N, C-alpha and C. Protein backbone atom coordinates (compact mmCIF):
# COMPACT_ATOMS: atom_id res chain seq x y z
N UNK A 1 -4.93 30.35 63.04
CA UNK A 1 -3.84 29.92 64.02
C UNK A 1 -3.15 28.30 63.54
N UNK A 2 -2.23 28.06 64.18
CA UNK A 2 -1.87 26.76 63.93
C UNK A 2 -2.47 26.22 65.19
N UNK A 3 -2.64 25.18 64.79
CA UNK A 3 -3.12 24.12 65.90
C UNK A 3 -1.95 22.86 65.94
N UNK A 4 -1.83 22.57 67.10
CA UNK A 4 -0.38 21.75 67.56
C UNK A 4 -0.84 20.28 67.74
N UNK A 5 -0.52 19.51 66.91
CA UNK A 5 -0.74 18.16 66.48
C UNK A 5 -0.33 17.38 67.77
N UNK A 6 -0.98 17.00 69.24
CA UNK A 6 -0.37 16.61 70.09
C UNK A 6 0.45 15.25 69.79
N UNK A 7 -0.02 13.92 68.96
CA UNK A 7 1.08 13.10 68.80
C UNK A 7 0.82 12.61 67.49
N UNK A 8 1.97 12.74 66.77
CA UNK A 8 1.52 11.72 65.24
C UNK A 8 2.42 10.70 65.52
N UNK A 9 2.05 9.53 64.67
CA UNK A 9 2.45 8.26 64.94
C UNK A 9 2.81 8.02 63.63
N UNK A 10 4.21 7.90 62.77
CA UNK A 10 4.26 7.77 61.83
C UNK A 10 4.02 6.34 61.12
N UNK A 11 4.19 5.06 62.01
CA UNK A 11 3.26 3.98 61.38
C UNK A 11 2.54 3.83 60.19
N UNK A 12 2.58 3.27 59.12
CA UNK A 12 1.68 3.63 58.77
C UNK A 12 1.62 4.42 57.29
N UNK A 13 2.13 5.71 57.38
CA UNK A 13 2.19 6.44 56.42
C UNK A 13 2.48 6.61 55.48
N UNK A 14 3.99 6.13 55.42
CA UNK A 14 4.64 5.71 54.04
C UNK A 14 5.32 7.01 53.73
N UNK A 15 5.99 7.06 52.02
CA UNK A 15 6.49 8.13 51.90
C UNK A 15 5.46 9.34 51.64
N UNK A 16 5.69 10.74 52.33
CA UNK A 16 4.95 11.82 52.76
C UNK A 16 5.60 12.66 52.48
N UNK A 17 4.72 13.73 51.48
CA UNK A 17 5.55 15.11 51.13
C UNK A 17 4.50 15.77 52.43
N UNK A 18 3.91 15.85 53.46
CA UNK A 18 3.49 16.82 54.45
C UNK A 18 2.13 16.69 54.84
N UNK A 19 1.89 16.89 55.79
CA UNK A 19 0.71 16.40 56.92
C UNK A 19 0.19 18.11 57.25
N UNK A 20 -0.91 17.95 57.20
CA UNK A 20 -1.79 19.29 57.02
C UNK A 20 -3.28 19.00 58.07
N UNK A 21 -3.09 19.94 58.68
CA UNK A 21 -4.72 20.09 59.86
C UNK A 21 -5.36 20.61 59.26
N UNK A 22 -6.63 20.04 59.15
CA UNK A 22 -7.74 21.65 58.65
C UNK A 22 -8.94 20.16 59.26
N UNK A 23 -9.75 21.55 60.04
CA UNK A 23 -11.26 21.42 60.53
C UNK A 23 -11.24 19.85 61.09
N UNK A 24 -9.64 20.17 62.32
CA UNK A 24 -9.42 18.79 62.81
C UNK A 24 -9.16 17.60 62.67
N UNK A 25 -9.22 17.87 61.44
CA UNK A 25 -8.60 16.40 60.78
C UNK A 25 -7.29 16.51 60.42
N UNK A 26 -6.45 15.33 60.46
CA UNK A 26 -5.19 15.56 60.27
C UNK A 26 -4.69 14.68 58.82
N UNK A 27 -4.69 15.20 57.85
CA UNK A 27 -4.26 14.74 56.36
C UNK A 27 -2.35 14.08 56.09
N UNK A 28 -2.46 12.99 55.32
CA UNK A 28 -1.18 13.36 55.31
C UNK A 28 -1.23 12.89 53.71
N UNK A 29 -0.28 13.73 52.89
CA UNK A 29 -0.51 13.41 51.27
C UNK A 29 1.02 12.95 50.87
N UNK A 30 1.25 12.16 49.82
CA UNK A 30 2.37 11.80 49.60
C UNK A 30 1.94 10.65 47.87
N UNK A 31 3.12 9.90 48.01
CA UNK A 31 3.37 8.97 46.25
C UNK A 31 2.56 7.98 46.54
N UNK A 32 2.35 7.80 45.28
CA UNK A 32 1.13 6.41 44.84
C UNK A 32 -0.13 6.27 45.42
N UNK A 33 -1.12 7.51 45.28
CA UNK A 33 -1.98 6.88 46.10
C UNK A 33 -1.80 7.67 47.60
N UNK A 34 -0.71 7.54 48.15
CA UNK A 34 -0.43 7.87 49.41
C UNK A 34 -1.30 8.99 50.00
N UNK A 35 -2.60 8.82 50.15
CA UNK A 35 -3.29 10.26 50.86
C UNK A 35 -3.92 10.19 51.50
N UNK A 36 -3.91 10.06 53.15
CA UNK A 36 -4.05 9.18 54.22
C UNK A 36 -4.96 10.42 55.49
N UNK A 37 -6.00 9.99 56.15
CA UNK A 37 -6.38 10.67 57.05
C UNK A 37 -6.50 9.88 58.82
N UNK A 38 -6.57 11.23 59.47
CA UNK A 38 -6.24 10.80 60.62
C UNK A 38 -7.78 11.68 61.66
N UNK A 39 -8.52 10.79 61.96
CA UNK A 39 -9.67 11.02 62.53
C UNK A 39 -9.35 11.47 64.93
N UNK A 40 -7.76 11.43 64.81
CA UNK A 40 -7.54 11.12 66.32
C UNK A 40 -6.01 12.15 66.48
N UNK A 41 -5.74 13.01 65.47
CA UNK A 41 -4.99 13.83 66.02
C UNK A 41 -3.87 13.32 65.33
N UNK A 42 -3.50 12.22 64.66
CA UNK A 42 -2.11 11.76 63.81
C UNK A 42 -1.92 10.14 65.05
N UNK A 43 -2.95 9.85 65.62
CA UNK A 43 -2.29 8.74 66.14
C UNK A 43 -2.74 7.30 65.50
N UNK A 44 -3.67 7.19 64.66
CA UNK A 44 -3.99 6.21 63.40
C UNK A 44 -4.57 6.67 62.51
N UNK A 45 -4.24 6.31 61.36
CA UNK A 45 -4.24 6.37 59.67
C UNK A 45 -5.17 5.40 59.08
N UNK A 46 -6.19 6.46 58.68
CA UNK A 46 -6.77 5.23 56.90
C UNK A 46 -6.62 5.93 55.45
N UNK A 47 -6.56 5.23 54.85
CA UNK A 47 -6.18 5.71 53.37
C UNK A 47 -7.31 6.06 52.84
N UNK A 48 -7.48 7.36 52.38
CA UNK A 48 -8.68 8.05 51.51
C UNK A 48 -9.06 7.37 50.73
N UNK A 49 -10.65 7.55 50.79
CA UNK A 49 -11.24 6.16 49.80
C UNK A 49 -10.90 7.08 48.20
N UNK A 50 -10.85 6.09 47.00
CA UNK A 50 -11.48 6.70 45.90
C UNK A 50 -10.05 7.37 45.51
N UNK A 51 -8.71 7.29 45.93
CA UNK A 51 -7.53 7.94 45.21
C UNK A 51 -7.05 6.54 44.27
N UNK A 52 -6.70 6.75 43.79
CA UNK A 52 -6.25 6.31 41.89
C UNK A 52 -4.31 5.83 42.88
N UNK A 53 -4.09 4.78 42.54
CA UNK A 53 -2.89 4.37 43.79
C UNK A 53 -2.01 4.88 42.92
N UNK A 54 -1.95 5.31 41.71
CA UNK A 54 -0.83 5.58 41.12
C UNK A 54 -0.84 7.36 41.08
N UNK A 55 -1.56 8.29 41.22
CA UNK A 55 -1.73 9.33 42.00
C UNK A 55 -1.19 9.59 42.82
N UNK A 56 0.35 10.97 42.40
CA UNK A 56 0.93 10.91 43.96
C UNK A 56 0.40 12.06 44.37
N UNK A 57 0.02 12.52 44.96
CA UNK A 57 -1.16 13.69 46.08
C UNK A 57 -0.14 14.43 46.54
N UNK A 58 -0.05 16.33 46.38
CA UNK A 58 0.84 16.94 47.00
C UNK A 58 0.12 17.66 47.72
N UNK A 59 -0.52 18.09 47.85
CA UNK A 59 -1.35 18.99 49.03
C UNK A 59 -3.37 18.79 49.13
N UNK A 60 -3.76 19.05 50.05
CA UNK A 60 -4.76 19.47 50.35
C UNK A 60 -5.07 20.32 51.24
N UNK A 61 -6.61 20.97 50.16
CA UNK A 61 -7.17 22.33 51.07
C UNK A 61 -8.80 22.24 51.61
N UNK A 62 -8.98 23.13 52.10
CA UNK A 62 -10.28 23.48 52.38
C UNK A 62 -10.88 25.06 51.73
N UNK A 63 -11.53 24.69 50.75
CA UNK A 63 -12.24 26.17 50.02
C UNK A 63 -13.56 26.31 49.90
N UNK A 64 -14.04 26.96 50.50
CA UNK A 64 -15.38 27.21 50.72
C UNK A 64 -16.32 26.61 50.21
N UNK A 65 -16.07 25.56 51.50
CA UNK A 65 -16.83 24.18 52.03
C UNK A 65 -16.58 22.92 51.29
N UNK A 66 -15.58 23.05 49.88
CA UNK A 66 -14.80 21.69 49.56
C UNK A 66 -13.38 21.16 50.15
N UNK A 67 -13.41 20.06 50.05
CA UNK A 67 -11.59 19.11 50.17
C UNK A 67 -10.99 19.74 49.02
N UNK A 68 -10.50 19.69 48.85
CA UNK A 68 -9.06 19.53 47.47
C UNK A 68 -8.22 18.59 47.78
N UNK A 69 -7.77 17.59 47.05
CA UNK A 69 -6.41 16.98 46.56
C UNK A 69 -5.79 17.39 45.57
N UNK A 70 -5.12 17.80 45.22
CA UNK A 70 -4.15 18.17 44.08
C UNK A 70 -2.84 17.49 44.06
N UNK A 71 -2.03 16.46 42.47
CA UNK A 71 -1.29 15.52 42.49
C UNK A 71 -0.99 15.72 41.30
N UNK A 72 -0.18 14.76 40.63
CA UNK A 72 0.39 14.18 39.47
C UNK A 72 -0.76 13.59 38.83
N UNK A 73 -0.65 13.33 37.75
CA UNK A 73 -1.84 12.55 36.38
C UNK A 73 -2.75 13.21 36.39
N UNK A 74 -2.72 14.66 36.25
CA UNK A 74 -3.96 15.54 36.15
C UNK A 74 -4.81 14.91 37.12
N UNK A 75 -4.64 14.77 38.37
CA UNK A 75 -5.23 14.64 39.44
C UNK A 75 -5.82 16.04 40.26
N UNK A 76 -7.13 16.11 40.27
CA UNK A 76 -7.74 16.82 41.57
C UNK A 76 -9.39 16.17 42.01
N UNK A 77 -8.82 16.14 42.87
CA UNK A 77 -10.25 15.38 44.11
C UNK A 77 -10.69 16.20 45.22
N UNK A 78 -11.94 16.16 44.79
CA UNK A 78 -12.93 17.41 45.34
C UNK A 78 -14.15 16.19 46.42
N UNK A 79 -14.45 17.02 47.76
CA UNK A 79 -14.79 15.93 48.54
C UNK A 79 -15.54 17.02 49.77
N UNK A 80 -17.00 16.72 49.82
CA UNK A 80 -17.52 17.92 50.97
C UNK A 80 -17.66 17.16 52.11
N UNK A 81 -17.06 16.22 52.61
CA UNK A 81 -17.24 15.08 53.71
C UNK A 81 -15.96 14.81 54.08
N UNK A 82 -15.32 14.63 53.64
CA UNK A 82 -13.70 13.50 53.77
C UNK A 82 -13.84 12.16 53.72
N UNK A 83 -15.14 12.16 52.59
CA UNK A 83 -15.53 10.68 53.34
C UNK A 83 -15.44 10.11 51.94
N UNK A 84 -16.28 10.68 50.68
CA UNK A 84 -15.97 10.44 49.27
C UNK A 84 -15.32 11.17 48.67
N UNK A 85 -14.68 11.00 48.02
CA UNK A 85 -14.01 11.67 47.28
C UNK A 85 -14.31 11.42 45.57
N UNK A 86 -14.38 12.59 45.10
CA UNK A 86 -14.63 12.58 43.45
C UNK A 86 -13.43 12.87 42.69
N UNK A 87 -13.21 11.98 41.96
CA UNK A 87 -11.29 12.90 40.63
C UNK A 87 -12.26 13.69 39.89
N UNK A 88 -11.91 14.62 39.65
CA UNK A 88 -12.58 15.56 38.47
C UNK A 88 -11.95 15.55 37.20
N UNK A 89 -12.66 15.35 36.15
CA UNK A 89 -11.76 15.91 34.97
C UNK A 89 -11.28 17.01 34.52
N UNK A 90 -9.80 17.12 34.08
CA UNK A 90 -9.49 18.44 34.26
C UNK A 90 -8.78 18.65 33.03
N UNK A 91 -8.42 20.02 32.25
CA UNK A 91 -8.10 19.57 31.00
C UNK A 91 -6.61 19.07 31.32
N UNK A 92 -6.00 18.32 29.77
CA UNK A 92 -4.57 17.99 29.99
C UNK A 92 -3.67 19.22 29.48
N UNK A 93 -3.25 19.72 30.61
CA UNK A 93 -2.42 20.98 30.42
C UNK A 93 -1.15 20.67 29.58
N UNK A 94 -0.09 20.01 29.83
CA UNK A 94 0.25 19.30 29.55
C UNK A 94 1.02 17.68 29.36
N UNK A 95 0.59 17.09 27.85
CA UNK A 95 1.09 15.79 28.20
C UNK A 95 2.40 14.91 28.09
N UNK A 96 2.58 14.24 28.76
CA UNK A 96 1.15 13.26 28.85
C UNK A 96 0.59 13.44 29.87
N UNK A 97 1.46 14.03 31.25
CA UNK A 97 0.61 14.31 32.69
C UNK A 97 0.90 15.40 33.46
N UNK A 98 -0.15 16.31 34.07
CA UNK A 98 0.17 16.84 34.84
C UNK A 98 -0.32 17.20 36.07
N UNK A 99 1.01 18.21 36.65
CA UNK A 99 0.96 18.46 38.33
C UNK A 99 0.10 19.21 38.32
N UNK A 100 -0.88 19.06 39.76
CA UNK A 100 -1.53 19.87 40.09
C UNK A 100 -0.83 20.52 41.61
N UNK A 101 -0.40 21.67 41.47
CA UNK A 101 0.10 21.85 43.22
C UNK A 101 -0.47 22.32 44.01
N UNK A 102 -1.36 23.50 43.97
CA UNK A 102 -1.97 24.35 44.91
C UNK A 102 -3.53 24.92 44.96
N UNK A 103 -4.25 25.11 44.88
CA UNK A 103 -5.11 25.57 44.87
C UNK A 103 -5.61 26.99 45.93
N UNK A 104 -6.71 27.80 45.39
CA UNK A 104 -7.50 28.56 46.28
C UNK A 104 -9.03 29.36 45.47
N UNK A 105 -9.76 30.35 46.65
CA UNK A 105 -10.79 30.13 45.96
C UNK A 105 -10.82 32.04 45.96
N UNK A 106 -11.20 32.14 45.01
CA UNK A 106 -10.73 33.75 44.91
C UNK A 106 -12.33 34.52 44.07
N UNK A 107 -13.11 35.27 44.71
CA UNK A 107 -14.46 35.90 43.81
C UNK A 107 -15.31 34.36 43.27
N UNK A 108 -15.36 33.40 43.85
CA UNK A 108 -16.51 32.63 43.03
C UNK A 108 -15.74 31.56 42.48
N UNK A 109 -14.45 32.06 42.44
CA UNK A 109 -13.69 30.84 41.43
C UNK A 109 -12.90 30.36 42.24
N UNK A 110 -12.44 28.79 41.69
CA UNK A 110 -11.89 27.96 41.90
C UNK A 110 -10.43 27.64 41.45
N UNK A 111 -8.98 27.84 41.57
CA UNK A 111 -8.07 27.90 40.56
C UNK A 111 -7.27 27.19 41.13
N UNK A 112 -6.52 26.15 40.31
CA UNK A 112 -5.75 25.43 41.24
C UNK A 112 -4.30 25.63 39.98
N UNK A 113 -3.01 25.65 40.80
CA UNK A 113 -1.74 25.77 39.91
C UNK A 113 -1.01 24.36 39.38
N UNK A 114 -1.05 24.56 38.29
CA UNK A 114 0.01 23.37 37.86
C UNK A 114 1.46 23.41 37.18
N UNK A 115 1.76 22.30 36.71
CA UNK A 115 3.35 22.34 36.67
C UNK A 115 3.58 23.08 35.32
N UNK A 116 2.28 23.77 34.69
CA UNK A 116 2.54 24.59 32.80
C UNK A 116 1.26 25.38 33.31
N UNK A 117 0.25 25.67 33.85
CA UNK A 117 -1.09 26.87 33.50
C UNK A 117 -1.62 26.66 34.85
N UNK A 118 -2.91 27.34 34.66
CA UNK A 118 -3.74 27.70 36.02
C UNK A 118 -5.13 26.91 34.80
N UNK A 119 -5.59 26.19 36.00
CA UNK A 119 -7.20 26.03 35.47
C UNK A 119 -8.08 26.54 36.41
N UNK A 120 -9.27 26.75 36.31
CA UNK A 120 -10.34 27.21 36.82
C UNK A 120 -11.95 26.81 36.70
N UNK A 121 -12.41 26.70 38.29
CA UNK A 121 -13.46 26.52 38.09
C UNK A 121 -14.88 27.60 38.78
N UNK A 122 -16.26 27.33 38.50
CA UNK A 122 -16.92 27.96 39.51
C UNK A 122 -18.19 27.09 39.87
N UNK A 123 -17.74 25.72 39.84
CA UNK A 123 -18.19 24.89 40.35
C UNK A 123 -17.69 23.63 40.77
N UNK A 124 -16.91 23.31 40.65
CA UNK A 124 -15.47 22.08 41.00
C UNK A 124 -15.73 21.02 39.81
N UNK A 125 -16.32 21.66 39.01
CA UNK A 125 -17.01 20.11 38.09
C UNK A 125 -16.64 20.59 36.76
N UNK A 126 -16.95 21.24 36.35
CA UNK A 126 -16.26 21.81 35.29
C UNK A 126 -14.87 22.75 34.83
N UNK A 127 -13.82 22.37 33.98
CA UNK A 127 -13.17 22.85 35.04
C UNK A 127 -12.11 23.70 33.38
N UNK A 128 -12.02 25.24 33.40
CA UNK A 128 -11.64 25.78 31.90
C UNK A 128 -9.96 25.89 32.50
N UNK A 129 -8.62 25.62 31.28
CA UNK A 129 -7.13 26.31 31.47
C UNK A 129 -7.31 27.86 30.87
N UNK A 130 -6.36 28.06 31.71
CA UNK A 130 -5.70 29.24 32.05
C UNK A 130 -4.76 30.00 31.38
N UNK A 131 -4.51 30.06 30.26
CA UNK A 131 -2.87 29.72 29.88
C UNK A 131 -1.78 30.82 30.67
N UNK A 132 -1.01 30.98 31.24
CA UNK A 132 -0.18 31.72 31.19
C UNK A 132 1.23 31.83 30.26
N UNK A 133 0.93 33.19 30.28
CA UNK A 133 1.66 33.44 28.64
C UNK A 133 3.20 34.11 29.43
N UNK A 134 4.18 33.70 29.06
CA UNK A 134 5.56 33.81 29.78
C UNK A 134 6.25 35.14 28.37
N UNK A 135 6.90 35.65 28.75
CA UNK A 135 7.94 36.45 27.66
C UNK A 135 8.79 35.06 27.02
N UNK A 136 9.32 35.14 25.54
CA UNK A 136 9.62 34.29 24.73
C UNK A 136 8.78 33.13 24.88
N UNK A 137 7.39 32.84 25.41
CA UNK A 137 6.58 31.80 25.52
C UNK A 137 7.33 30.65 25.88
N UNK A 138 8.23 30.70 27.36
CA UNK A 138 8.80 29.78 27.81
C UNK A 138 7.75 28.94 28.45
N UNK A 139 8.13 27.39 28.94
CA UNK A 139 7.55 26.66 29.75
C UNK A 139 7.57 27.43 30.88
N UNK A 140 6.73 27.21 31.79
CA UNK A 140 6.15 27.71 33.37
C UNK A 140 5.34 27.43 34.16
N UNK A 141 6.36 27.07 35.39
CA UNK A 141 6.08 26.29 36.56
C UNK A 141 4.89 27.11 37.37
N UNK A 142 3.46 26.76 37.65
CA UNK A 142 3.18 27.73 38.50
C UNK A 142 3.05 26.91 39.73
N UNK A 143 4.23 27.01 40.75
CA UNK A 143 4.15 26.34 42.14
C UNK A 143 2.48 27.20 43.34
N UNK A 144 2.48 27.88 43.42
CA UNK A 144 1.20 27.90 44.63
C UNK A 144 0.63 29.29 43.97
N UNK A 145 -0.53 29.68 44.50
CA UNK A 145 -1.46 30.67 44.51
C UNK A 145 -1.76 31.42 45.87
N UNK A 146 -2.07 32.43 46.01
CA UNK A 146 -2.39 33.14 47.43
C UNK A 146 -2.83 34.43 47.09
N UNK A 147 -3.96 34.48 47.95
CA UNK A 147 -4.85 35.87 47.53
C UNK A 147 -4.53 37.14 48.44
N UNK A 148 -4.42 38.23 48.25
CA UNK A 148 -3.64 39.29 49.33
C UNK A 148 -4.56 40.58 48.73
N UNK A 149 -4.76 41.27 50.01
CA UNK A 149 -6.09 42.56 49.16
C UNK A 149 -6.10 42.55 48.23
N UNK A 150 -7.28 41.61 48.02
CA UNK A 150 -7.86 41.84 46.48
C UNK A 150 -7.31 41.63 45.19
N UNK A 151 -6.33 40.98 45.22
CA UNK A 151 -5.22 40.76 43.93
C UNK A 151 -4.95 39.19 44.73
N UNK A 152 -5.01 38.28 43.57
CA UNK A 152 -4.37 37.03 43.50
C UNK A 152 -3.64 36.95 42.83
N UNK A 153 -2.10 36.17 43.42
CA UNK A 153 -0.82 35.54 42.86
C UNK A 153 -0.22 34.70 42.94
N UNK A 154 -0.34 34.27 41.73
CA UNK A 154 0.56 33.13 41.11
C UNK A 154 1.94 33.10 41.17
N UNK A 155 2.61 32.29 41.70
CA UNK A 155 4.10 32.07 41.55
C UNK A 155 5.01 30.90 41.06
N UNK A 156 6.26 31.22 40.34
CA UNK A 156 6.55 29.99 40.06
C UNK A 156 7.69 30.50 39.30
N UNK A 157 7.81 29.99 38.03
CA UNK A 157 9.40 30.38 37.49
C UNK A 157 9.21 29.55 36.17
N UNK A 158 9.77 30.56 35.13
CA UNK A 158 10.11 30.21 33.59
C UNK A 158 11.58 28.88 33.78
N UNK A 159 11.28 28.04 32.85
CA UNK A 159 11.91 26.71 32.64
C UNK A 159 13.05 27.61 31.61
N UNK A 160 14.04 28.63 32.00
CA UNK A 160 14.57 29.01 30.44
C UNK A 160 16.18 28.71 31.06
N UNK A 161 16.59 27.30 32.00
CA UNK A 161 17.85 27.35 32.37
C UNK A 161 18.43 28.55 32.86
N UNK A 162 18.00 29.58 33.26
CA UNK A 162 18.35 30.47 34.29
C UNK A 162 17.06 30.49 35.68
N UNK A 163 16.04 29.53 35.52
CA UNK A 163 14.85 29.63 36.49
C UNK A 163 14.09 30.91 36.56
N UNK A 164 14.23 31.56 35.67
CA UNK A 164 13.72 33.26 35.87
C UNK A 164 12.85 33.27 36.96
N UNK A 165 12.56 33.64 37.95
CA UNK A 165 11.30 34.17 38.63
C UNK A 165 10.25 35.31 38.23
N UNK A 166 9.25 34.92 37.93
CA UNK A 166 7.76 35.27 37.43
C UNK A 166 6.37 34.86 37.91
N UNK A 167 6.26 36.69 38.63
CA UNK A 167 4.55 35.93 39.03
C UNK A 167 3.07 36.55 38.34
N UNK A 168 2.22 36.12 38.49
CA UNK A 168 1.18 36.52 37.86
C UNK A 168 0.40 37.47 38.75
N UNK A 169 -0.34 38.24 38.43
CA UNK A 169 -1.26 38.97 39.21
C UNK A 169 -2.52 38.61 38.44
N UNK A 170 -3.97 38.54 39.19
CA UNK A 170 -5.23 38.66 38.85
C UNK A 170 -6.35 39.28 39.47
N UNK A 171 -7.29 40.19 38.87
CA UNK A 171 -8.33 40.69 40.14
C UNK A 171 -9.56 40.12 39.88
N UNK A 172 -9.19 39.14 39.14
CA UNK A 172 -10.90 37.56 38.51
C UNK A 172 -11.00 36.96 38.57
N UNK A 173 -9.50 36.04 39.20
CA UNK A 173 -9.69 34.68 38.94
C UNK A 173 -9.43 34.22 37.64
N UNK A 174 -9.71 34.93 36.03
CA UNK A 174 -9.93 34.14 35.10
C UNK A 174 -8.61 34.72 34.46
N UNK A 175 -8.31 36.51 34.26
CA UNK A 175 -7.22 36.66 33.48
C UNK A 175 -5.89 37.07 34.21
N UNK A 176 -5.27 37.06 33.75
CA UNK A 176 -3.65 36.73 34.78
C UNK A 176 -2.64 37.94 33.44
N UNK A 177 -1.74 38.99 34.77
CA UNK A 177 -1.18 40.15 34.12
C UNK A 177 0.40 38.98 34.34
N UNK A 178 1.39 38.98 33.67
CA UNK A 178 3.17 38.62 34.24
C UNK A 178 3.75 39.32 34.09
N UNK A 179 4.41 39.61 36.02
CA UNK A 179 4.95 40.39 36.83
C UNK A 179 6.63 39.85 36.29
N UNK A 180 7.11 40.53 35.86
CA UNK A 180 8.89 39.12 35.96
C UNK A 180 10.14 40.41 36.64
N UNK A 181 10.87 39.35 37.46
CA UNK A 181 12.07 39.93 38.08
C UNK A 181 11.74 40.15 39.23
N UNK A 182 11.20 39.66 40.09
CA UNK A 182 10.59 39.84 41.26
C UNK A 182 11.54 38.92 42.40
N UNK A 183 11.90 37.64 41.99
CA UNK A 183 12.26 37.06 42.93
C UNK A 183 11.59 36.19 43.46
N UNK A 184 10.40 36.61 43.21
CA UNK A 184 9.49 34.92 44.02
C UNK A 184 9.37 33.48 43.47
N UNK A 185 9.97 33.06 43.76
CA UNK A 185 10.03 31.95 43.04
C UNK A 185 8.96 30.76 43.74
N UNK A 186 9.24 30.20 44.88
CA UNK A 186 8.78 29.04 45.46
C UNK A 186 7.64 29.54 47.13
N UNK A 187 7.40 30.87 46.65
CA UNK A 187 6.36 31.09 48.11
C UNK A 187 5.85 32.78 48.31
N UNK A 188 4.92 32.62 48.77
CA UNK A 188 4.52 33.47 49.11
C UNK A 188 3.48 33.38 50.66
N UNK A 189 3.85 34.61 51.36
CA UNK A 189 2.97 34.51 52.52
C UNK A 189 2.27 35.18 52.98
N UNK A 190 1.23 35.46 53.52
CA UNK A 190 -0.01 37.11 54.10
C UNK A 190 -0.11 36.56 55.37
N UNK A 191 0.77 37.11 56.23
CA UNK A 191 0.30 37.48 57.74
C UNK A 191 0.21 38.59 58.82
N UNK A 192 -1.39 38.84 58.58
CA UNK A 192 -2.03 39.98 59.25
C UNK A 192 -3.43 39.79 59.39
């Protein structure tokens, strides 16, 4: 269910990408360490501690008891209480920087999508890169991930000057099979 945010004050939020309500808290994510939290329905905001000021945060998620903040500069932050956040050491997927976009929890595996691959973990501490092989070995942007009916979908596009749509399917969160040409580039939603 979508919860209505009764009042949001933009003062002090800065340049932000989005606002998300999770477990009664309101998070605002954005550029240059702009990761803020409101504990009073958006009336007042405080900077989330422990975020490096050069890290742009794209989104925040709550997965199986952990809060995740995903962003630029190889940044994946994890918290169990929203007070202490720890930056995880993640594989350098694309040099010099990797952009992490979305996260999911699927069959005991945490999955985070990035600008060129998927990383996975079973404990939120140790991460492994899962290469997404494209036809012709082209560069791939994995924008998002969603679980629908016992299948995990990673969606995005190949950067081959035509932005060919391509998505991947997995039944274990570790191994991925490419499916090309179905027009899924920017998002999948499951309502049911």
